[in-house]
Amino acid sequence: MANCIDCGKEVDYRQKRCRGCYDKNRERKQTCLYCSALFKASPSQDRKYCSKKCEGLARSGKKNSFYGKHHTEETKKLISQATTGHKVNPATHRYFKKGETAGEKNNFWKGDEVGYAALHSWVRRHKPKPNVCECCKEKLPFDLANISGQYKRDVNDYEWVCRKCHMTKDKRNILVLSNLKQFRK
């Protein structure tokens, strides 16, 4: 056995430092060149900025290497020739207008065979949330409750209710209270 060269803890004879000291020595604190924030970086990382955002902001405007420069007429002509005549193949690259593939027009539309979560998200999009619970008319509604118990794609089969009313309608609060009484005995 050997001892850590920093703190003196016992380490394997092949190691110089314990795990804690090794990690502390690996990370070094650096200052971001853009926002002056301190950040940690390992020696193998040659970082000058704390994030990609700071890096992008630091290279924008006058600090950009192409700032104030312009393409020559020859370069503009080459760019134009390279892009002229290229047509988008509609079979491989289609542009969809908004709403063109919404709802039943979508290839992945399942209709009434939809799952529980997807059906609830569909109802959330199509049934506006009221300011108060549709049952007690007092509290803010948080849950979408199914009225009939059959999960149909029908907006009128759902109602926005508060948590207490939802638990009461599903009779879950009775189950919870009975389970609590069992545990207290």
N, C-alpha and C. Protein backbone atom coordinates (compact mmCIF):
# COMPACT_ATOMS: atom_id res chain seq x y z
N MET A 1 0.83 -1.19 0.00
CA MET A 1 0.00 0.00 0.00
C MET A 1 0.87 1.25 0.00
N ALA A 2 0.33 2.30 -0.62
CA ALA A 2 1.02 3.58 -0.68
C ALA A 2 0.09 4.66 -0.12
N ASN A 3 0.59 5.85 0.05
CA ASN A 3 -0.22 6.95 0.56
C ASN A 3 -0.43 7.99 -0.54
N CYS A 4 -1.61 8.66 -0.48
CA CYS A 4 -1.95 9.72 -1.42
C CYS A 4 -0.99 10.88 -1.21
N ILE A 5 -0.47 11.43 -2.29
CA ILE A 5 0.52 12.51 -2.18
C ILE A 5 -0.10 13.84 -1.73
N ASP A 6 -1.45 13.93 -1.78
CA ASP A 6 -2.11 15.17 -1.36
C ASP A 6 -2.63 15.11 0.07
N CYS A 7 -3.39 14.03 0.39
CA CYS A 7 -4.04 14.00 1.70
C CYS A 7 -3.47 12.91 2.62
N GLY A 8 -2.69 11.97 2.12
CA GLY A 8 -2.07 10.95 2.95
C GLY A 8 -2.90 9.69 3.16
N LYS A 9 -4.08 9.58 2.54
CA LYS A 9 -4.90 8.37 2.67
C LYS A 9 -4.20 7.21 2.00
N GLU A 10 -4.53 6.00 2.45
CA GLU A 10 -3.95 4.81 1.83
C GLU A 10 -4.57 4.59 0.46
N VAL A 11 -3.70 4.31 -0.52
CA VAL A 11 -4.16 4.02 -1.88
C VAL A 11 -3.41 2.81 -2.38
N ASP A 12 -3.87 2.27 -3.51
CA ASP A 12 -3.20 1.14 -4.15
C ASP A 12 -1.77 1.56 -4.50
N TYR A 13 -0.83 0.62 -4.48
CA TYR A 13 0.57 0.96 -4.68
C TYR A 13 0.84 1.52 -6.09
N ARG A 14 -0.10 1.28 -7.03
CA ARG A 14 0.08 1.77 -8.40
C ARG A 14 -0.42 3.20 -8.58
N GLN A 15 -1.09 3.74 -7.57
CA GLN A 15 -1.68 5.07 -7.69
C GLN A 15 -0.92 6.09 -6.87
N LYS A 16 -1.00 7.34 -7.30
CA LYS A 16 -0.35 8.42 -6.57
C LYS A 16 -1.35 9.15 -5.67
N ARG A 17 -2.63 9.23 -6.14
CA ARG A 17 -3.65 9.99 -5.42
C ARG A 17 -4.87 9.13 -5.16
N CYS A 18 -5.61 9.48 -4.08
CA CYS A 18 -6.90 8.83 -3.84
C CYS A 18 -7.91 9.40 -4.84
N ARG A 19 -9.10 8.79 -4.94
CA ARG A 19 -10.10 9.18 -5.92
C ARG A 19 -10.54 10.64 -5.75
N GLY A 20 -10.76 11.05 -4.50
CA GLY A 20 -11.20 12.42 -4.24
C GLY A 20 -10.18 13.45 -4.69
N CYS A 21 -8.91 13.24 -4.35
CA CYS A 21 -7.86 14.17 -4.73
C CYS A 21 -7.61 14.15 -6.24
N TYR A 22 -7.76 12.97 -6.84
CA TYR A 22 -7.59 12.85 -8.29
C TYR A 22 -8.64 13.70 -9.00
N ASP A 23 -9.91 13.60 -8.54
CA ASP A 23 -10.99 14.38 -9.16
C ASP A 23 -10.79 15.88 -8.96
N LYS A 24 -10.33 16.28 -7.76
CA LYS A 24 -10.10 17.69 -7.50
C LYS A 24 -9.01 18.26 -8.39
N ASN A 25 -7.95 17.48 -8.59
CA ASN A 25 -6.83 17.93 -9.42
C ASN A 25 -7.17 17.91 -10.90
N ARG A 26 -8.11 17.03 -11.30
CA ARG A 26 -8.50 16.93 -12.70
C ARG A 26 -9.24 18.18 -13.15
N GLU A 27 -10.17 18.64 -12.32
CA GLU A 27 -10.96 19.79 -12.71
C GLU A 27 -10.25 21.07 -12.31
N ARG A 28 -10.19 21.98 -13.24
CA ARG A 28 -9.61 23.27 -12.92
C ARG A 28 -10.65 24.34 -13.18
N LYS A 29 -10.61 25.38 -12.41
CA LYS A 29 -11.57 26.45 -12.58
C LYS A 29 -11.02 27.45 -13.58
N GLN A 30 -11.91 27.83 -14.51
CA GLN A 30 -11.53 28.80 -15.53
C GLN A 30 -12.55 29.93 -15.54
N THR A 31 -12.17 31.04 -16.12
CA THR A 31 -13.06 32.18 -16.24
C THR A 31 -13.50 32.31 -17.69
N CYS A 32 -14.81 32.45 -17.90
CA CYS A 32 -15.37 32.60 -19.24
C CYS A 32 -14.89 33.93 -19.82
N LEU A 33 -14.42 33.92 -21.06
CA LEU A 33 -13.92 35.14 -21.68
C LEU A 33 -15.03 36.12 -22.04
N TYR A 34 -16.29 35.64 -22.12
CA TYR A 34 -17.40 36.52 -22.49
C TYR A 34 -18.12 37.09 -21.28
N CYS A 35 -18.57 36.18 -20.36
CA CYS A 35 -19.40 36.66 -19.23
C CYS A 35 -18.64 36.69 -17.90
N SER A 36 -17.40 36.26 -17.88
CA SER A 36 -16.54 36.26 -16.70
C SER A 36 -17.02 35.33 -15.59
N ALA A 37 -17.85 34.36 -15.92
CA ALA A 37 -18.32 33.39 -14.93
C ALA A 37 -17.26 32.31 -14.74
N LEU A 38 -17.18 31.77 -13.51
CA LEU A 38 -16.27 30.66 -13.25
C LEU A 38 -16.92 29.36 -13.67
N PHE A 39 -16.15 28.48 -14.32
CA PHE A 39 -16.66 27.16 -14.69
C PHE A 39 -15.54 26.16 -14.57
N LYS A 40 -15.94 24.88 -14.41
CA LYS A 40 -14.96 23.82 -14.25
C LYS A 40 -14.70 23.15 -15.59
N ALA A 41 -13.44 22.83 -15.84
CA ALA A 41 -13.07 22.12 -17.07
C ALA A 41 -11.88 21.24 -16.77
N SER A 42 -11.86 20.06 -17.37
CA SER A 42 -10.72 19.17 -17.17
C SER A 42 -9.56 19.65 -18.03
N PRO A 43 -8.33 19.25 -17.70
CA PRO A 43 -7.17 19.71 -18.47
C PRO A 43 -7.23 19.33 -19.95
N SER A 44 -7.92 18.22 -20.27
CA SER A 44 -7.99 17.80 -21.66
C SER A 44 -8.92 18.69 -22.48
N GLN A 45 -9.81 19.42 -21.80
CA GLN A 45 -10.71 20.33 -22.50
C GLN A 45 -10.06 21.70 -22.62
N ASP A 46 -9.92 22.17 -23.82
CA ASP A 46 -9.34 23.48 -24.03
C ASP A 46 -10.48 24.47 -24.25
N ARG A 47 -11.20 24.79 -23.16
CA ARG A 47 -12.38 25.64 -23.25
C ARG A 47 -12.07 27.05 -22.82
N LYS A 48 -12.65 28.01 -23.55
CA LYS A 48 -12.47 29.41 -23.21
C LYS A 48 -13.78 30.04 -22.75
N TYR A 49 -14.90 29.36 -23.05
CA TYR A 49 -16.22 29.89 -22.72
C TYR A 49 -16.98 28.88 -21.88
N CYS A 50 -17.87 29.37 -21.02
CA CYS A 50 -18.61 28.49 -20.12
C CYS A 50 -19.71 27.73 -20.84
N SER A 51 -20.20 28.22 -21.98
CA SER A 51 -21.29 27.56 -22.70
C SER A 51 -21.20 27.88 -24.19
N LYS A 52 -21.98 27.14 -24.98
CA LYS A 52 -22.05 27.39 -26.42
C LYS A 52 -22.68 28.77 -26.68
N LYS A 53 -23.60 29.16 -25.80
CA LYS A 53 -24.25 30.47 -25.95
C LYS A 53 -23.22 31.58 -25.86
N CYS A 54 -22.37 31.53 -24.83
CA CYS A 54 -21.34 32.56 -24.66
C CYS A 54 -20.35 32.54 -25.82
N GLU A 55 -20.04 31.34 -26.31
CA GLU A 55 -19.11 31.22 -27.42
C GLU A 55 -19.68 31.88 -28.67
N GLY A 56 -20.98 31.65 -28.92
CA GLY A 56 -21.63 32.25 -30.08
C GLY A 56 -21.72 33.77 -29.96
N LEU A 57 -22.07 34.25 -28.76
CA LEU A 57 -22.17 35.69 -28.55
C LEU A 57 -20.81 36.38 -28.66
N ALA A 58 -19.77 35.69 -28.22
CA ALA A 58 -18.43 36.27 -28.26
C ALA A 58 -17.92 36.42 -29.69
N ARG A 59 -18.43 35.58 -30.59
CA ARG A 59 -17.96 35.62 -31.98
C ARG A 59 -18.93 36.35 -32.90
N SER A 60 -19.89 37.06 -32.35
CA SER A 60 -20.85 37.77 -33.18
C SER A 60 -20.43 39.22 -33.34
N GLY A 61 -20.98 39.87 -34.34
CA GLY A 61 -20.70 41.28 -34.57
C GLY A 61 -19.29 41.54 -35.01
N LYS A 62 -18.66 42.55 -34.43
CA LYS A 62 -17.32 42.96 -34.85
C LYS A 62 -16.26 41.90 -34.56
N LYS A 63 -16.56 40.98 -33.65
CA LYS A 63 -15.58 39.96 -33.28
C LYS A 63 -15.56 38.79 -34.27
N ASN A 64 -16.53 38.75 -35.18
CA ASN A 64 -16.58 37.68 -36.17
C ASN A 64 -15.48 37.91 -37.20
N SER A 65 -14.85 36.83 -37.64
CA SER A 65 -13.73 36.96 -38.58
C SER A 65 -14.16 37.48 -39.94
N PHE A 66 -15.45 37.36 -40.30
CA PHE A 66 -15.92 37.81 -41.61
C PHE A 66 -16.61 39.18 -41.51
N TYR A 67 -16.59 39.80 -40.32
CA TYR A 67 -17.28 41.07 -40.10
C TYR A 67 -16.67 42.16 -40.99
N GLY A 68 -17.55 42.89 -41.72
CA GLY A 68 -17.09 44.01 -42.55
C GLY A 68 -16.57 43.58 -43.90
N LYS A 69 -16.43 42.28 -44.14
CA LYS A 69 -15.92 41.78 -45.42
C LYS A 69 -17.11 41.41 -46.30
N HIS A 70 -16.87 41.36 -47.58
CA HIS A 70 -17.93 41.02 -48.53
C HIS A 70 -17.39 40.01 -49.54
N HIS A 71 -18.30 39.23 -50.10
CA HIS A 71 -17.91 38.31 -51.15
C HIS A 71 -17.56 39.11 -52.41
N THR A 72 -16.58 38.63 -53.14
CA THR A 72 -16.23 39.28 -54.40
C THR A 72 -17.30 38.93 -55.42
N GLU A 73 -17.32 39.67 -56.53
CA GLU A 73 -18.30 39.39 -57.59
C GLU A 73 -18.09 37.99 -58.15
N GLU A 74 -16.84 37.56 -58.22
CA GLU A 74 -16.53 36.22 -58.73
C GLU A 74 -17.10 35.14 -57.79
N THR A 75 -16.94 35.33 -56.49
CA THR A 75 -17.46 34.38 -55.51
C THR A 75 -18.98 34.36 -55.54
N LYS A 76 -19.60 35.54 -55.67
CA LYS A 76 -21.06 35.60 -55.75
C LYS A 76 -21.57 34.83 -56.97
N LYS A 77 -20.85 34.95 -58.09
CA LYS A 77 -21.24 34.26 -59.31
C LYS A 77 -21.11 32.74 -59.13
N LEU A 78 -20.05 32.29 -58.46
CA LEU A 78 -19.86 30.85 -58.21
C LEU A 78 -20.95 30.29 -57.30
N ILE A 79 -21.33 31.04 -56.27
CA ILE A 79 -22.40 30.61 -55.36
C ILE A 79 -23.71 30.52 -56.13
N SER A 80 -23.98 31.51 -56.98
CA SER A 80 -25.20 31.53 -57.77
C SER A 80 -25.27 30.34 -58.72
N GLN A 81 -24.16 30.04 -59.39
CA GLN A 81 -24.12 28.90 -60.32
C GLN A 81 -24.32 27.58 -59.59
N ALA A 82 -23.77 27.48 -58.38
CA ALA A 82 -23.88 26.23 -57.62
C ALA A 82 -25.31 25.96 -57.18
N THR A 83 -26.06 27.02 -56.91
CA THR A 83 -27.43 26.82 -56.40
C THR A 83 -28.51 26.95 -57.47
N THR A 84 -28.19 27.50 -58.63
CA THR A 84 -29.17 27.68 -59.70
C THR A 84 -29.49 26.33 -60.35
N GLY A 85 -30.76 26.11 -60.61
CA GLY A 85 -31.17 24.89 -61.30
C GLY A 85 -31.46 23.73 -60.39
N HIS A 86 -31.19 23.87 -59.12
CA HIS A 86 -31.49 22.80 -58.16
C HIS A 86 -32.96 22.89 -57.78
N LYS A 87 -33.70 21.88 -58.15
CA LYS A 87 -35.11 21.86 -57.80
C LYS A 87 -35.34 20.80 -56.73
N VAL A 88 -36.25 21.07 -55.84
CA VAL A 88 -36.57 20.13 -54.77
C VAL A 88 -37.44 19.03 -55.34
N ASN A 89 -37.03 17.78 -55.16
CA ASN A 89 -37.80 16.65 -55.63
C ASN A 89 -38.98 16.45 -54.69
N PRO A 90 -40.22 16.61 -55.17
CA PRO A 90 -41.37 16.50 -54.27
C PRO A 90 -41.55 15.10 -53.69
N ALA A 91 -41.00 14.08 -54.35
CA ALA A 91 -41.14 12.72 -53.83
C ALA A 91 -40.28 12.51 -52.60
N THR A 92 -39.11 13.12 -52.56
CA THR A 92 -38.21 12.90 -51.44
C THR A 92 -38.27 14.00 -50.39
N HIS A 93 -38.65 15.20 -50.79
CA HIS A 93 -38.64 16.32 -49.85
C HIS A 93 -39.94 17.11 -50.02
N ARG A 94 -40.90 16.83 -49.16
CA ARG A 94 -42.19 17.50 -49.27
C ARG A 94 -42.29 18.64 -48.27
N TYR A 95 -42.88 19.72 -48.70
CA TYR A 95 -43.14 20.83 -47.80
C TYR A 95 -44.62 20.78 -47.42
N PHE A 96 -44.92 20.73 -46.14
CA PHE A 96 -46.30 20.67 -45.69
C PHE A 96 -46.74 22.03 -45.20
N LYS A 97 -47.93 22.39 -45.57
CA LYS A 97 -48.52 23.61 -45.05
C LYS A 97 -49.14 23.29 -43.70
N LYS A 98 -49.28 24.30 -42.86
CA LYS A 98 -49.83 24.10 -41.53
C LYS A 98 -51.26 23.57 -41.63
N GLY A 99 -51.54 22.50 -40.92
CA GLY A 99 -52.86 21.90 -40.93
C GLY A 99 -53.07 20.88 -42.03
N GLU A 100 -52.12 20.77 -42.96
CA GLU A 100 -52.28 19.84 -44.07
C GLU A 100 -52.23 18.39 -43.61
N THR A 101 -51.47 18.14 -42.54
CA THR A 101 -51.36 16.76 -42.03
C THR A 101 -51.89 16.65 -40.61
N ALA A 102 -52.80 17.54 -40.23
CA ALA A 102 -53.33 17.52 -38.87
C ALA A 102 -54.53 16.58 -38.78
N GLY A 103 -54.69 15.98 -37.60
CA GLY A 103 -55.86 15.14 -37.33
C GLY A 103 -55.95 13.91 -38.22
N GLU A 104 -57.10 13.71 -38.84
CA GLU A 104 -57.34 12.50 -39.63
C GLU A 104 -56.52 12.45 -40.91
N LYS A 105 -55.96 13.56 -41.34
CA LYS A 105 -55.13 13.58 -42.55
C LYS A 105 -53.74 13.00 -42.29
N ASN A 106 -53.36 12.86 -41.02
CA ASN A 106 -52.05 12.35 -40.67
C ASN A 106 -51.96 10.86 -40.93
N ASN A 107 -50.82 10.40 -41.42
CA ASN A 107 -50.62 8.97 -41.72
C ASN A 107 -50.67 8.11 -40.47
N PHE A 108 -50.32 8.67 -39.32
CA PHE A 108 -50.28 7.90 -38.08
C PHE A 108 -51.57 8.03 -37.26
N TRP A 109 -52.63 8.55 -37.84
CA TRP A 109 -53.90 8.71 -37.15
C TRP A 109 -54.47 7.34 -36.80
N LYS A 110 -54.84 7.13 -35.52
CA LYS A 110 -55.34 5.84 -35.08
C LYS A 110 -56.84 5.83 -34.84
N GLY A 111 -57.47 6.99 -34.87
CA GLY A 111 -58.90 7.05 -34.66
C GLY A 111 -59.27 6.66 -33.24
N ASP A 112 -60.21 5.70 -33.10
CA ASP A 112 -60.66 5.27 -31.77
C ASP A 112 -59.72 4.25 -31.13
N GLU A 113 -58.71 3.80 -31.84
CA GLU A 113 -57.75 2.82 -31.32
C GLU A 113 -56.59 3.49 -30.57
N VAL A 114 -56.75 4.75 -30.27
CA VAL A 114 -55.69 5.53 -29.63
C VAL A 114 -55.52 5.11 -28.16
N GLY A 115 -54.33 5.35 -27.60
CA GLY A 115 -54.05 5.00 -26.21
C GLY A 115 -54.56 6.04 -25.23
N TYR A 116 -54.43 5.73 -23.96
CA TYR A 116 -54.94 6.57 -22.87
C TYR A 116 -54.31 7.97 -22.89
N ALA A 117 -52.98 8.03 -22.91
CA ALA A 117 -52.29 9.32 -22.82
C ALA A 117 -52.53 10.17 -24.06
N ALA A 118 -52.50 9.55 -25.23
CA ALA A 118 -52.72 10.30 -26.47
C ALA A 118 -54.14 10.84 -26.54
N LEU A 119 -55.10 10.06 -26.05
CA LEU A 119 -56.50 10.52 -26.04
C LEU A 119 -56.67 11.72 -25.11
N HIS A 120 -56.03 11.68 -23.94
CA HIS A 120 -56.12 12.80 -23.01
C HIS A 120 -55.46 14.05 -23.59
N SER A 121 -54.33 13.89 -24.28
CA SER A 121 -53.69 15.07 -24.88
C SER A 121 -54.55 15.63 -26.01
N TRP A 122 -55.26 14.75 -26.76
CA TRP A 122 -56.16 15.21 -27.81
C TRP A 122 -57.31 16.02 -27.20
N VAL A 123 -57.87 15.53 -26.08
CA VAL A 123 -58.97 16.23 -25.43
C VAL A 123 -58.48 17.57 -24.87
N ARG A 124 -57.25 17.60 -24.31
CA ARG A 124 -56.69 18.85 -23.79
C ARG A 124 -56.59 19.91 -24.88
N ARG A 125 -56.25 19.47 -26.10
CA ARG A 125 -56.13 20.42 -27.21
C ARG A 125 -57.49 20.91 -27.71
N HIS A 126 -58.52 20.07 -27.58
CA HIS A 126 -59.81 20.40 -28.17
C HIS A 126 -60.87 20.90 -27.18
N LYS A 127 -60.65 20.69 -25.89
CA LYS A 127 -61.62 21.16 -24.89
C LYS A 127 -60.97 22.25 -24.07
N PRO A 128 -61.48 23.48 -24.15
CA PRO A 128 -60.85 24.58 -23.39
C PRO A 128 -61.00 24.38 -21.89
N LYS A 129 -59.97 24.79 -21.16
CA LYS A 129 -59.95 24.63 -19.71
C LYS A 129 -60.69 25.80 -19.06
N PRO A 130 -61.73 25.53 -18.26
CA PRO A 130 -62.46 26.62 -17.61
C PRO A 130 -61.68 27.17 -16.41
N ASN A 131 -62.20 28.25 -15.85
CA ASN A 131 -61.53 28.87 -14.70
C ASN A 131 -61.83 28.14 -13.39
N VAL A 132 -62.96 27.45 -13.32
CA VAL A 132 -63.33 26.72 -12.11
C VAL A 132 -63.72 25.29 -12.46
N CYS A 133 -63.71 24.44 -11.46
CA CYS A 133 -64.07 23.03 -11.62
C CYS A 133 -65.52 22.92 -12.13
N GLU A 134 -65.75 22.03 -13.09
CA GLU A 134 -67.09 21.85 -13.66
C GLU A 134 -68.03 21.14 -12.69
N CYS A 135 -67.48 20.54 -11.64
CA CYS A 135 -68.30 19.79 -10.68
C CYS A 135 -68.68 20.65 -9.47
N CYS A 136 -67.69 21.17 -8.75
CA CYS A 136 -67.98 21.93 -7.52
C CYS A 136 -68.05 23.43 -7.75
N LYS A 137 -67.58 23.90 -8.88
CA LYS A 137 -67.59 25.33 -9.25
C LYS A 137 -66.84 26.20 -8.26
N GLU A 138 -65.83 25.63 -7.56
CA GLU A 138 -65.08 26.40 -6.56
C GLU A 138 -63.59 26.49 -6.88
N LYS A 139 -62.94 25.34 -7.04
CA LYS A 139 -61.49 25.31 -7.17
C LYS A 139 -61.06 25.32 -8.64
N LEU A 140 -59.76 25.53 -8.84
CA LEU A 140 -59.19 25.44 -10.17
C LEU A 140 -59.16 23.99 -10.63
N PRO A 141 -59.53 23.70 -11.88
CA PRO A 141 -59.47 22.32 -12.36
C PRO A 141 -58.05 21.94 -12.78
N PHE A 142 -57.65 20.73 -12.44
CA PHE A 142 -56.34 20.24 -12.84
C PHE A 142 -56.44 18.97 -13.68
N ASP A 143 -57.52 18.22 -13.54
CA ASP A 143 -57.63 16.91 -14.17
C ASP A 143 -58.72 16.88 -15.22
N LEU A 144 -58.50 16.03 -16.21
CA LEU A 144 -59.54 15.72 -17.19
C LEU A 144 -60.13 14.39 -16.76
N ALA A 145 -61.40 14.39 -16.43
CA ALA A 145 -62.05 13.16 -15.96
C ALA A 145 -62.98 12.65 -17.05
N ASN A 146 -62.93 11.33 -17.28
CA ASN A 146 -63.82 10.69 -18.23
C ASN A 146 -65.15 10.45 -17.54
N ILE A 147 -66.26 10.81 -18.17
CA ILE A 147 -67.57 10.72 -17.54
C ILE A 147 -68.14 9.31 -17.65
N SER A 148 -68.13 8.73 -18.85
CA SER A 148 -68.81 7.45 -19.07
C SER A 148 -67.99 6.24 -18.64
N GLY A 149 -66.68 6.38 -18.55
CA GLY A 149 -65.83 5.23 -18.25
C GLY A 149 -65.36 4.52 -19.51
N GLN A 150 -65.93 4.87 -20.65
CA GLN A 150 -65.49 4.34 -21.94
C GLN A 150 -64.66 5.45 -22.59
N TYR A 151 -63.44 5.15 -22.91
CA TYR A 151 -62.54 6.17 -23.43
C TYR A 151 -62.78 6.36 -24.93
N LYS A 152 -63.78 7.21 -25.24
CA LYS A 152 -64.14 7.51 -26.62
C LYS A 152 -63.51 8.83 -27.02
N ARG A 153 -63.34 9.02 -28.31
CA ARG A 153 -62.81 10.27 -28.82
C ARG A 153 -63.98 11.25 -28.97
N ASP A 154 -64.51 11.65 -27.81
CA ASP A 154 -65.64 12.57 -27.76
C ASP A 154 -65.34 13.61 -26.68
N VAL A 155 -65.24 14.85 -27.08
CA VAL A 155 -64.89 15.92 -26.15
C VAL A 155 -65.94 16.06 -25.05
N ASN A 156 -67.21 15.79 -25.37
CA ASN A 156 -68.29 15.94 -24.38
C ASN A 156 -68.28 14.83 -23.33
N ASP A 157 -67.46 13.79 -23.53
CA ASP A 157 -67.38 12.68 -22.58
C ASP A 157 -66.33 12.95 -21.49
N TYR A 158 -65.76 14.15 -21.50
CA TYR A 158 -64.73 14.54 -20.52
C TYR A 158 -65.13 15.83 -19.85
N GLU A 159 -64.65 16.03 -18.62
CA GLU A 159 -64.88 17.28 -17.92
C GLU A 159 -63.63 17.66 -17.14
N TRP A 160 -63.43 18.98 -17.01
CA TRP A 160 -62.32 19.50 -16.24
C TRP A 160 -62.76 19.59 -14.78
N VAL A 161 -62.06 18.86 -13.90
CA VAL A 161 -62.42 18.84 -12.48
C VAL A 161 -61.19 19.06 -11.61
N CYS A 162 -61.45 19.47 -10.36
CA CYS A 162 -60.35 19.61 -9.40
C CYS A 162 -59.97 18.22 -8.89
N ARG A 163 -58.87 18.12 -8.19
CA ARG A 163 -58.37 16.82 -7.72
C ARG A 163 -59.38 16.16 -6.76
N LYS A 164 -59.97 16.93 -5.86
CA LYS A 164 -60.90 16.37 -4.88
C LYS A 164 -62.13 15.76 -5.57
N CYS A 165 -62.71 16.50 -6.52
CA CYS A 165 -63.88 15.99 -7.24
C CYS A 165 -63.52 14.77 -8.08
N HIS A 166 -62.33 14.77 -8.66
CA HIS A 166 -61.89 13.63 -9.47
C HIS A 166 -61.77 12.38 -8.60
N MET A 167 -61.17 12.53 -7.43
CA MET A 167 -61.02 11.39 -6.52
C MET A 167 -62.39 10.90 -6.04
N THR A 168 -63.31 11.83 -5.78
CA THR A 168 -64.66 11.47 -5.32
C THR A 168 -65.42 10.73 -6.41
N LYS A 169 -65.36 11.23 -7.62
CA LYS A 169 -66.08 10.59 -8.73
C LYS A 169 -65.55 9.19 -9.02
N ASP A 170 -64.23 9.03 -8.93
CA ASP A 170 -63.63 7.71 -9.19
C ASP A 170 -63.67 6.81 -7.95
N LYS A 171 -64.19 7.32 -6.84
CA LYS A 171 -64.26 6.61 -5.56
C LYS A 171 -62.87 6.20 -5.06
N ARG A 172 -61.86 6.97 -5.47
CA ARG A 172 -60.50 6.66 -5.03
C ARG A 172 -60.24 7.15 -3.61
N ASN A 173 -60.92 8.22 -3.21
CA ASN A 173 -60.68 8.73 -1.85
C ASN A 173 -61.19 7.75 -0.80
N ILE A 174 -62.23 6.98 -1.11
CA ILE A 174 -62.73 5.95 -0.18
C ILE A 174 -61.69 4.85 -0.03
N LEU A 175 -61.07 4.46 -1.17
CA LEU A 175 -60.04 3.42 -1.13
C LEU A 175 -58.82 3.88 -0.34
N VAL A 176 -58.43 5.12 -0.52
CA VAL A 176 -57.27 5.65 0.18
C VAL A 176 -57.53 5.69 1.68
N LEU A 177 -58.71 6.16 2.08
CA LEU A 177 -59.05 6.23 3.50
C LEU A 177 -59.12 4.84 4.13
N SER A 178 -59.69 3.87 3.40
CA SER A 178 -59.77 2.51 3.95
C SER A 178 -58.38 1.88 4.10
N ASN A 179 -57.49 2.18 3.16
CA ASN A 179 -56.11 1.68 3.27
C ASN A 179 -55.39 2.33 4.43
N LEU A 180 -55.63 3.62 4.68
CA LEU A 180 -55.00 4.29 5.83
C LEU A 180 -55.48 3.70 7.16
N LYS A 181 -56.76 3.38 7.24
CA LYS A 181 -57.30 2.79 8.46
C LYS A 181 -56.69 1.42 8.74
N GLN A 182 -56.43 0.65 7.68
CA GLN A 182 -55.80 -0.67 7.83
C GLN A 182 -54.39 -0.53 8.38
N PHE A 183 -53.66 0.47 7.90
CA PHE A 183 -52.26 0.64 8.34
C PHE A 183 -52.19 1.16 9.77
N ARG A 184 -53.19 1.92 10.21
CA ARG A 184 -53.17 2.48 11.56
C ARG A 184 -53.47 1.43 12.61
N LYS A 185 -54.14 0.34 12.25
CA LYS A 185 -54.50 -0.71 13.23
C LYS A 185 -53.31 -1.50 13.66
